[in-house]
Protein backbone atom coordinates (compact mmCIF):
# COMPACT_ATOMS: atom_id res chain seq x y z
CA UNK A 1 39.73 15.10 -12.10
CA UNK A 2 37.32 17.31 -14.00
CA UNK A 3 34.38 17.92 -12.08
CA UNK A 4 32.42 19.07 -14.82
CA UNK A 5 32.03 15.78 -15.84
CA UNK A 6 32.37 13.66 -12.73
CA UNK A 7 29.22 11.72 -10.75
CA UNK A 8 29.38 11.60 -7.39
CA UNK A 9 27.62 10.70 -4.22
CA UNK A 10 27.74 12.57 -0.85
CA UNK A 11 26.25 10.78 1.92
CA UNK A 12 24.77 12.58 4.55
CA UNK A 13 24.24 15.60 2.05
CA UNK A 14 21.03 17.09 3.02
CA UNK A 15 22.52 19.02 6.00
CA UNK A 16 25.74 20.93 7.52
CA UNK A 17 29.19 19.79 5.87
CA UNK A 18 27.18 17.38 3.40
CA UNK A 19 25.08 19.57 2.21
CA UNK A 20 27.74 22.73 1.72
CA UNK A 21 30.10 20.15 -0.02
CA UNK A 22 27.08 18.97 -2.51
CA UNK A 23 26.03 22.69 -3.49
CA UNK A 24 30.18 23.28 -3.67
CA UNK A 25 30.32 20.15 -6.35
CA UNK A 26 27.32 21.01 -8.11
CA UNK A 27 28.57 24.41 -8.45
CA UNK A 28 31.71 23.25 -10.17
CA UNK A 29 30.05 21.30 -12.63
CA UNK A 30 29.46 17.92 -11.11
CA UNK A 31 26.30 16.12 -10.65
CA UNK A 32 25.92 14.96 -7.43
CA UNK A 33 23.57 12.69 -5.55
CA UNK A 34 23.14 12.90 -1.96
CA UNK A 35 21.04 10.96 0.83
CA UNK A 36 19.81 11.51 4.24
CA UNK A 37 17.41 10.68 7.24
CA UNK A 38 15.17 13.51 5.75
CA UNK A 39 14.74 14.67 2.17
CA UNK A 40 13.21 17.96 1.42
CA UNK A 41 10.37 17.10 -1.20
CA UNK A 42 10.92 17.62 -5.03
CA UNK A 43 14.84 16.83 -4.50
CA UNK A 44 15.59 14.48 -7.50
CA UNK A 45 18.66 13.55 -6.31
CA UNK A 46 18.21 13.06 -2.91
CA UNK A 47 17.53 9.43 -1.47
CA UNK A 48 15.80 9.29 1.99
CA UNK A 49 18.08 6.34 3.81
CA UNK A 50 19.20 5.93 7.40
CA UNK A 51 22.66 4.57 7.28
CA UNK A 52 22.14 2.55 10.34
CA UNK A 53 19.70 0.22 9.19
CA UNK A 54 21.69 -2.68 7.34
CA UNK A 55 21.96 -2.31 4.01
CA UNK A 56 20.87 1.29 3.39
CA UNK A 57 24.32 2.41 2.08
CA UNK A 58 24.39 -0.40 -0.66
CA UNK A 59 20.89 0.83 -1.44
CA UNK A 60 21.97 4.00 -1.73
CA UNK A 61 25.16 3.55 -3.89
CA UNK A 62 22.64 1.63 -6.09
CA UNK A 63 19.90 4.26 -6.73
CA UNK A 64 22.56 6.64 -7.23
CA UNK A 65 24.55 4.65 -10.04
CA UNK A 66 21.43 4.01 -11.50
CA UNK A 67 19.82 7.67 -11.45
CA UNK A 68 23.65 8.82 -12.56
CA UNK A 69 24.74 6.51 -14.93
CA UNK A 70 27.63 5.58 -12.93
CA UNK A 71 29.55 6.92 -10.02
CA UNK A 72 32.89 8.10 -10.22
CA UNK A 73 33.54 9.39 -6.54
CA UNK A 74 32.06 8.44 -3.54
CA UNK A 75 32.23 10.70 -0.23
CA UNK A 76 31.17 9.06 2.92
CA UNK A 77 30.01 12.31 5.06
CA UNK A 78 27.25 10.71 7.01
CA UNK A 79 28.10 10.85 10.87
CA UNK A 80 26.69 11.03 14.22
CA UNK A 81 27.95 12.03 17.95
CA UNK A 82 26.65 11.24 21.04
CA UNK A 83 27.64 12.16 24.75
CA UNK A 84 27.92 8.52 25.61
CA UNK A 85 28.56 8.29 29.80
CA UNK A 86 29.60 4.64 29.64
CA UNK A 87 30.38 4.69 33.26
CA UNK A 88 27.11 5.59 34.47
CA UNK A 89 25.99 2.54 33.58
CA UNK A 90 23.95 1.17 30.80
CA UNK A 91 20.55 1.92 29.72
CA UNK A 92 17.95 1.27 26.78
CA UNK A 93 18.39 5.00 25.35
CA UNK A 94 22.38 4.81 25.62
CA UNK A 95 22.90 1.28 24.09
CA UNK A 96 20.54 2.15 21.27
CA UNK A 97 23.12 5.44 20.61
CA UNK A 98 25.98 3.48 20.61
CA UNK A 99 25.07 0.91 17.99
CA UNK A 100 23.70 3.91 16.01
CA UNK A 101 26.92 5.60 16.34
CA UNK A 102 29.10 2.44 15.22
CA UNK A 103 26.82 1.76 12.18
CA UNK A 104 26.70 5.26 10.34
CA UNK A 105 30.32 6.07 11.13
CA UNK A 106 31.75 2.98 10.40
CA UNK A 107 30.15 -0.04 9.65
CA UNK A 108 28.38 1.83 6.90
CA UNK A 109 31.31 3.04 5.13
CA UNK A 110 32.43 -0.40 4.80
CA UNK A 111 29.17 -1.01 2.94
CA UNK A 112 29.59 1.93 1.19
CA UNK A 113 33.09 0.82 -0.07
CA UNK A 114 31.76 -2.47 -1.05
CA UNK A 115 29.09 -1.91 -2.97
CA UNK A 116 30.59 1.15 -4.58
CA UNK A 117 33.69 -0.58 -6.04
CA UNK A 118 32.43 -2.10 -8.79
CA UNK A 119 31.04 1.15 -10.24
CA UNK A 120 34.30 2.64 -9.25
CA UNK A 121 36.70 0.39 -10.75
CA UNK A 122 34.72 0.60 -13.98
CA UNK A 123 35.63 4.08 -14.14
CA UNK A 124 39.43 5.11 -15.87
CA UNK A 125 39.99 7.54 -12.61
CA UNK A 126 38.00 7.29 -9.26
CA UNK A 127 38.17 8.07 -5.76
CA UNK A 128 36.59 6.75 -2.17
CA UNK A 129 36.55 9.41 0.16
CA UNK A 130 35.91 9.40 3.97
CA UNK A 131 35.06 11.99 6.13
CA UNK A 132 37.23 11.46 9.03
CA UNK A 133 37.88 14.07 12.77
CA UNK A 134 40.87 14.76 14.38
CA UNK A 135 39.31 13.14 17.19
CA UNK A 136 39.86 9.70 15.74
CA UNK A 137 43.45 11.00 16.05
CA UNK A 138 43.30 12.27 19.77
CA UNK A 139 39.83 11.51 22.01
CA UNK A 140 37.83 13.45 23.94
CA UNK A 141 36.34 12.53 27.24
CA UNK A 142 32.71 12.69 26.07
CA UNK A 143 32.10 10.81 23.02
CA UNK A 144 34.00 7.94 23.52
CA UNK A 145 32.23 5.83 21.00
CA UNK A 146 32.57 8.60 18.33
CA UNK A 147 36.22 9.31 19.05
CA UNK A 148 36.72 5.10 18.01
CA UNK A 149 34.34 4.76 15.31
CA UNK A 150 36.83 7.95 13.78
CA UNK A 151 40.01 6.03 14.94
CA UNK A 152 38.57 2.71 13.28
CA UNK A 153 37.66 4.59 10.47
CA UNK A 154 41.15 5.76 9.87
CA UNK A 155 42.42 2.59 9.91
CA UNK A 156 39.71 0.81 7.92
CA UNK A 157 40.51 3.61 5.00
CA UNK A 158 44.19 2.45 5.44
CA UNK A 159 43.70 -1.39 4.94
CA UNK A 160 41.05 -0.21 2.17
CA UNK A 161 44.13 1.66 0.27
CA UNK A 162 46.37 -1.65 0.23
CA UNK A 163 43.01 -3.61 -1.17
CA UNK A 164 42.68 -0.66 -3.56
CA UNK A 165 46.75 -0.39 -4.54
CA UNK A 166 46.65 -4.46 -5.49
CA UNK A 167 43.31 -4.76 -7.65
CA UNK A 168 42.24 -1.55 -8.76
CA UNK A 169 45.44 1.28 -8.91
CA UNK A 170 43.22 3.57 -10.58
CA UNK A 171 40.88 4.10 -7.94
CA UNK A 172 42.43 6.26 -5.37
CA UNK A 173 41.18 6.21 -1.05
CA UNK A 174 41.58 9.52 0.42
CA UNK A 175 40.67 10.70 4.39
CA UNK A 176 39.52 14.48 5.22
CA UNK A 177 40.02 15.09 8.83
CA UNK A 178 37.67 17.61 9.88
CA UNK A 179 38.11 19.80 12.84
CA UNK A 180 35.05 21.53 14.41
CA UNK A 181 32.61 22.32 12.26
CA UNK A 182 29.58 24.78 13.19
CA UNK A 183 26.58 22.54 12.32
CA UNK A 184 23.48 20.80 14.00
CA UNK A 185 25.59 18.13 15.14
CA UNK A 186 27.79 20.65 17.20
CA UNK A 187 25.32 22.23 18.47
CA UNK A 188 26.32 23.86 21.94
CA UNK A 189 29.94 22.33 21.74
CA UNK A 190 32.96 24.39 21.79
CA UNK A 191 36.60 23.56 21.21
CA UNK A 192 40.09 24.54 21.53
CA UNK A 193 39.97 26.20 17.96
CA UNK A 194 37.27 28.65 16.58
CA UNK A 195 34.49 26.77 14.38
CA UNK A 196 35.08 25.96 10.99
CA UNK A 197 31.73 27.50 9.07
CA UNK A 198 30.44 24.22 6.63
CA UNK A 199 31.31 26.26 3.19
CA UNK A 200 34.23 26.79 4.18
CA UNK A 201 34.97 23.15 5.13
CA UNK A 202 33.40 22.20 1.68
CA UNK A 203 35.91 24.15 0.06
CA UNK A 204 38.82 23.23 2.01
CA UNK A 205 37.84 19.84 1.34
CA UNK A 206 37.72 20.29 -2.77
CA UNK A 207 40.62 21.47 -2.22
CA UNK A 208 42.17 18.78 -0.88
CA UNK A 209 40.43 16.23 -3.06
CA UNK A 210 42.55 17.71 -6.18
CA UNK A 211 45.51 16.88 -4.49
CA UNK A 212 45.29 13.29 -4.21
CA UNK A 213 46.70 13.23 -1.22
CA UNK A 214 45.90 10.13 1.04
CA UNK A 215 44.97 12.54 3.95
CA UNK A 216 43.40 15.69 3.65
CA UNK A 217 43.48 17.81 7.39
CA UNK A 218 41.35 20.59 7.39
CA UNK A 219 41.60 23.95 9.37
CA UNK A 220 42.75 23.01 13.03
CA UNK A 221 43.31 19.73 12.27
CA UNK A 222 46.83 20.14 10.45
CA UNK A 223 47.95 21.71 13.37
CA UNK A 224 46.51 18.79 15.62
CA UNK A 225 48.22 15.88 13.78
CA UNK A 226 51.46 18.01 13.25
CA UNK A 227 51.43 18.10 17.44
CA UNK A 228 50.41 14.64 17.01
CA UNK A 229 53.36 12.95 14.96
CA UNK A 230 55.40 15.04 17.40
CA UNK A 231 54.12 14.58 20.74
CA UNK A 232 50.79 12.65 20.93
CA UNK A 233 50.35 13.34 24.28
CA UNK A 234 50.43 16.75 24.27
CA UNK A 235 47.22 15.85 21.38
CA UNK A 236 45.54 14.27 23.80
CA UNK A 237 45.36 16.81 26.51
CA UNK A 238 44.27 19.29 23.97
CA UNK A 239 41.54 17.35 23.31
CA UNK A 240 40.52 15.58 26.48
CA UNK A 241 37.79 18.07 27.36
CA UNK A 242 37.18 19.59 24.14
């Protein structure tokens, strides 16, 4: 895919990996629209949106397609992660966070795909890409809902790929599997591997997109997925208390 003529929507593109990815794509000639809960003033191709709200993802797709004159690639990058101690019992804040994690990390991706597909199907080549996590393959104790949404995302993309192969074979579906990246979401958290910078993650994602591979593991996630194939129990032990 020639990035110099590509129109791309990156959700969650105003901070962290999304911001670095939008910048890297723009530097390579792509025209990029983004969205975020807060958008710097005067940013022409960034739309304010809370993807936890029903219908927000679909609105962003239509805004981006109208502003760019169509879409060639959609990258579902937005995500949230909270510590969710489910065994402590319910409280209002915990329940709100659970709903928010599911809505942003999983529900909005399905909504994004449904809204984007008519635009992607109209292009000779196109791609729908979602950013997952190694925690979708081997969960950690402190964030069960986040891990569940990333596991659900993996399954969602597999099923979406089946639909695309039958209805729109020219639209590829890819899953990016990130390791721990140094972003505001992971501040104060450490894992078994050193944090990747957002810029390094973005460059690796771009290399993976060019390959067209269904699954694009980044950094330490490559080793994790290999371990998981050989010994799922070992992968779970590695990340359980990460």
